[in-house]
Amino acid sequence: MSTLAAQDLELLKYPIGKFVRGTRAGTAERRTDCMDVIAGFPEKLRAEVQGMDDDQLDTPYRPGGWTVRQLVHHIADSHAQSLHRFKLALTEDVPTIKPYKEALWAKQIDARTMPIEPSLQIISGSHARWVVLMRAMSVTDLERTFFLPEQQRELPLSEVLELYVWHSRHHLAHITGLKSRMGW
């Protein structure tokens, strides 16, 4: 593979760049902005996938990548997990989070074949609850942590909030980029 092709593949994989570990929603204004992104994401996602047929939903966003269908189901899995992780961190002292193998989850029959509507509903419901929870949190609450074994470190909820703003935009860019390249 040429250097240019490798760069192109990297751009397809990370269309908005990689998440910068340690980024925190540190100011009140930034926290509000992040929560607004989380609040608005379900409708943005729904608008991007609205009217896509099965062939489009089963198109990978990049060579070797997940299909749009798998992306939507992954987002539902991941964001529901994040809501639960927030609640664990708010109710326990530095809980250890059980990791899951998201790539293997995306290969399961539900993620590969099911209609996306149930996952769009999970995303909408999870985000509605998550936003209510976050808007009620204090600055101290946002500094509560959970332990993530995959990274062998504690993550403050202020960093997890930034991560999921990135995650939302990251996967939305996969879909919008694919639609643009395909002329959909």
Protein backbone atom coordinates (compact mmCIF):
# COMPACT_ATOMS: atom_id res chain seq x y z
CA MET A 1 0.00 0.00 0.00
CA SER A 2 1.39 3.41 -0.89
CA THR A 3 1.93 6.09 1.71
CA LEU A 4 -0.90 8.15 0.24
CA ALA A 5 -3.25 5.15 0.35
CA ALA A 6 -2.27 4.52 3.98
CA GLN A 7 -2.96 8.18 4.79
CA ASP A 8 -6.32 7.98 3.01
CA LEU A 9 -7.23 4.84 4.94
CA GLU A 10 -6.24 6.52 8.21
CA LEU A 11 -8.45 9.50 7.32
CA LEU A 12 -11.36 7.16 6.58
CA LYS A 13 -10.77 5.41 9.90
CA TYR A 14 -10.41 8.64 11.93
CA PRO A 15 -12.20 11.34 9.92
CA ILE A 16 -12.13 13.83 12.81
CA GLY A 17 -8.78 12.65 14.19
CA LYS A 18 -8.07 10.42 17.16
CA PHE A 19 -9.35 11.18 20.64
CA VAL A 20 -6.74 12.90 22.78
CA ARG A 21 -6.52 10.87 25.99
CA GLY A 22 -6.78 13.02 29.09
CA THR A 23 -9.03 15.69 27.49
CA ARG A 24 -11.49 16.92 30.09
CA ALA A 25 -14.60 19.06 30.00
CA GLY A 26 -12.98 21.52 32.37
CA THR A 27 -15.09 24.67 32.22
CA ALA A 28 -18.78 25.16 32.85
CA GLU A 29 -19.18 26.40 29.27
CA ARG A 30 -17.39 23.37 27.83
CA ARG A 31 -19.44 20.96 29.96
CA THR A 32 -22.63 22.60 28.69
CA ASP A 33 -21.40 22.38 25.09
CA CYS A 34 -20.55 18.68 25.56
CA MET A 35 -23.92 17.91 27.08
CA ASP A 36 -25.62 19.73 24.20
CA VAL A 37 -23.74 17.52 21.72
CA ILE A 38 -24.83 14.39 23.59
CA ALA A 39 -28.42 15.71 23.72
CA GLY A 40 -28.56 16.45 19.99
CA PHE A 41 -26.72 13.40 18.70
CA PRO A 42 -29.64 10.93 18.45
CA GLU A 43 -31.58 13.18 16.06
CA LYS A 44 -28.47 13.95 13.98
CA LEU A 45 -27.76 10.25 13.64
CA ARG A 46 -31.38 9.46 12.79
CA ALA A 47 -31.39 12.18 10.11
CA GLU A 48 -28.25 10.76 8.49
CA VAL A 49 -29.54 7.19 8.27
CA GLN A 50 -33.16 8.09 7.49
CA GLY A 51 -34.25 6.49 4.25
CA MET A 52 -31.14 4.36 3.75
CA ASP A 53 -31.99 1.04 2.13
CA ASP A 54 -30.51 -2.32 3.12
CA ASP A 55 -27.77 -2.11 0.50
CA GLN A 56 -26.68 1.26 1.86
CA LEU A 57 -26.92 0.09 5.47
CA ASP A 58 -24.79 -2.93 4.58
CA THR A 59 -22.04 -0.84 2.97
CA PRO A 60 -18.81 -0.55 4.99
CA TYR A 61 -17.80 3.03 5.75
CA ARG A 62 -14.22 2.10 4.75
CA PRO A 63 -12.40 -0.95 3.39
CA GLY A 64 -12.31 -3.50 6.21
CA GLY A 65 -14.61 -1.35 8.36
CA TRP A 66 -18.03 -1.90 9.81
CA THR A 67 -21.18 -1.37 7.80
CA VAL A 68 -23.50 1.52 8.58
CA ARG A 69 -25.83 -1.03 10.19
CA GLN A 70 -23.02 -2.30 12.44
CA LEU A 71 -22.07 1.30 13.31
CA VAL A 72 -25.59 2.14 14.48
CA HIS A 73 -25.83 -1.03 16.56
CA HIS A 74 -22.32 -0.37 17.97
CA ILE A 75 -23.29 3.16 18.98
CA ALA A 76 -26.32 1.79 20.82
CA ASP A 77 -24.17 -0.77 22.63
CA SER A 78 -21.42 1.70 23.47
CA HIS A 79 -23.55 4.64 24.56
CA ALA A 80 -25.82 2.48 26.72
CA GLN A 81 -22.66 1.13 28.37
CA SER A 82 -21.48 4.68 28.98
CA LEU A 83 -24.74 5.64 30.70
CA HIS A 84 -24.30 2.62 32.99
CA ARG A 85 -20.67 3.50 33.63
CA PHE A 86 -21.65 7.03 34.64
CA LYS A 87 -24.19 5.63 37.09
CA LEU A 88 -21.67 3.18 38.52
CA ALA A 89 -19.12 5.96 39.03
CA LEU A 90 -21.76 8.13 40.73
CA THR A 91 -22.89 5.38 43.09
CA GLU A 92 -19.69 3.45 43.87
CA ASP A 93 -16.14 4.41 44.77
CA VAL A 94 -13.94 3.87 41.70
CA PRO A 95 -15.81 0.86 40.30
CA THR A 96 -13.93 -1.44 37.98
CA ILE A 97 -15.66 -1.53 34.62
CA LYS A 98 -16.06 -4.84 32.86
CA PRO A 99 -14.60 -4.50 29.39
CA TYR A 100 -16.38 -5.85 26.35
CA LYS A 101 -15.02 -6.80 22.94
CA GLU A 102 -16.83 -4.30 20.75
CA ALA A 103 -15.40 -5.73 17.50
CA LEU A 104 -16.82 -9.15 18.40
CA TRP A 105 -20.14 -7.60 19.43
CA ALA A 106 -20.32 -5.97 15.97
CA LYS A 107 -19.95 -9.42 14.38
CA GLN A 108 -22.96 -10.86 16.20
CA ILE A 109 -26.08 -11.63 14.19
CA ASP A 110 -28.10 -8.77 15.67
CA ALA A 111 -25.49 -6.17 14.68
CA ARG A 112 -25.07 -7.62 11.19
CA THR A 113 -28.70 -8.22 10.22
CA MET A 114 -31.28 -6.45 12.37
CA PRO A 115 -33.09 -3.30 11.34
CA ILE A 116 -31.50 -0.22 12.92
CA GLU A 117 -34.68 1.22 14.43
CA PRO A 118 -34.39 -0.67 17.75
CA SER A 119 -30.85 0.66 18.18
CA LEU A 120 -31.92 4.20 17.22
CA GLN A 121 -34.53 3.93 19.99
CA ILE A 122 -31.88 2.67 22.45
CA ILE A 123 -29.65 5.62 21.53
CA SER A 124 -32.50 8.12 21.93
CA GLY A 125 -33.60 6.68 25.25
CA SER A 126 -30.07 6.29 26.63
CA HIS A 127 -29.15 9.84 25.63
CA ALA A 128 -32.34 11.29 27.12
CA ARG A 129 -31.58 9.66 30.47
CA TRP A 130 -27.85 10.41 30.25
CA VAL A 131 -28.42 14.12 29.61
CA VAL A 132 -30.83 14.44 32.55
CA LEU A 133 -28.26 12.71 34.74
CA MET A 134 -25.34 14.83 33.51
CA ARG A 135 -27.16 18.16 33.76
CA ALA A 136 -27.84 17.40 37.43
CA MET A 137 -24.22 16.52 38.17
CA SER A 138 -21.94 18.86 40.08
CA VAL A 139 -18.35 19.63 39.13
CA THR A 140 -17.32 17.24 41.90
CA ASP A 141 -19.54 14.53 40.40
CA LEU A 142 -17.82 14.97 37.03
CA GLU A 143 -14.47 14.27 38.68
CA ARG A 144 -15.66 10.92 40.03
CA THR A 145 -13.86 8.06 38.34
CA PHE A 146 -14.11 4.48 37.28
CA PHE A 147 -11.25 2.08 36.67
CA LEU A 148 -10.87 0.85 33.10
CA PRO A 149 -8.81 -2.38 33.04
CA GLU A 150 -8.03 -2.05 29.30
CA GLN A 151 -6.12 1.17 29.99
CA GLN A 152 -5.06 0.31 33.54
CA ARG A 153 -6.17 3.71 34.80
CA GLU A 154 -8.98 5.65 36.38
CA LEU A 155 -11.06 7.81 34.06
CA PRO A 156 -12.84 10.87 35.42
CA LEU A 157 -16.36 11.36 34.09
CA SER A 158 -15.28 14.76 32.69
CA GLU A 159 -12.91 12.87 30.36
CA VAL A 160 -15.52 10.23 29.53
CA LEU A 161 -17.92 13.04 28.59
CA GLU A 162 -15.35 14.42 26.13
CA LEU A 163 -14.68 10.90 24.83
CA TYR A 164 -18.35 10.39 23.99
CA VAL A 165 -18.63 13.77 22.31
CA TRP A 166 -15.71 12.60 20.16
CA HIS A 167 -17.26 9.13 19.72
CA SER A 168 -20.56 10.61 18.54
CA ARG A 169 -18.88 12.93 16.05
CA HIS A 170 -16.43 10.21 14.96
CA HIS A 171 -19.11 7.72 13.93
CA LEU A 172 -21.39 10.38 12.49
CA ALA A 173 -18.45 11.44 10.28
CA HIS A 174 -18.04 7.83 9.14
CA ILE A 175 -21.62 7.87 7.89
CA THR A 176 -21.60 11.37 6.38
CA GLY A 177 -18.26 10.69 4.69
CA LEU A 178 -19.53 7.46 3.18
CA LYS A 179 -22.71 9.15 1.95
CA SER A 180 -20.67 11.93 0.37
CA ARG A 181 -18.25 9.53 -1.34
CA MET A 182 -21.11 7.38 -2.63
CA GLY A 183 -23.27 10.32 -3.72
CA TRP A 184 -26.22 9.27 -1.52
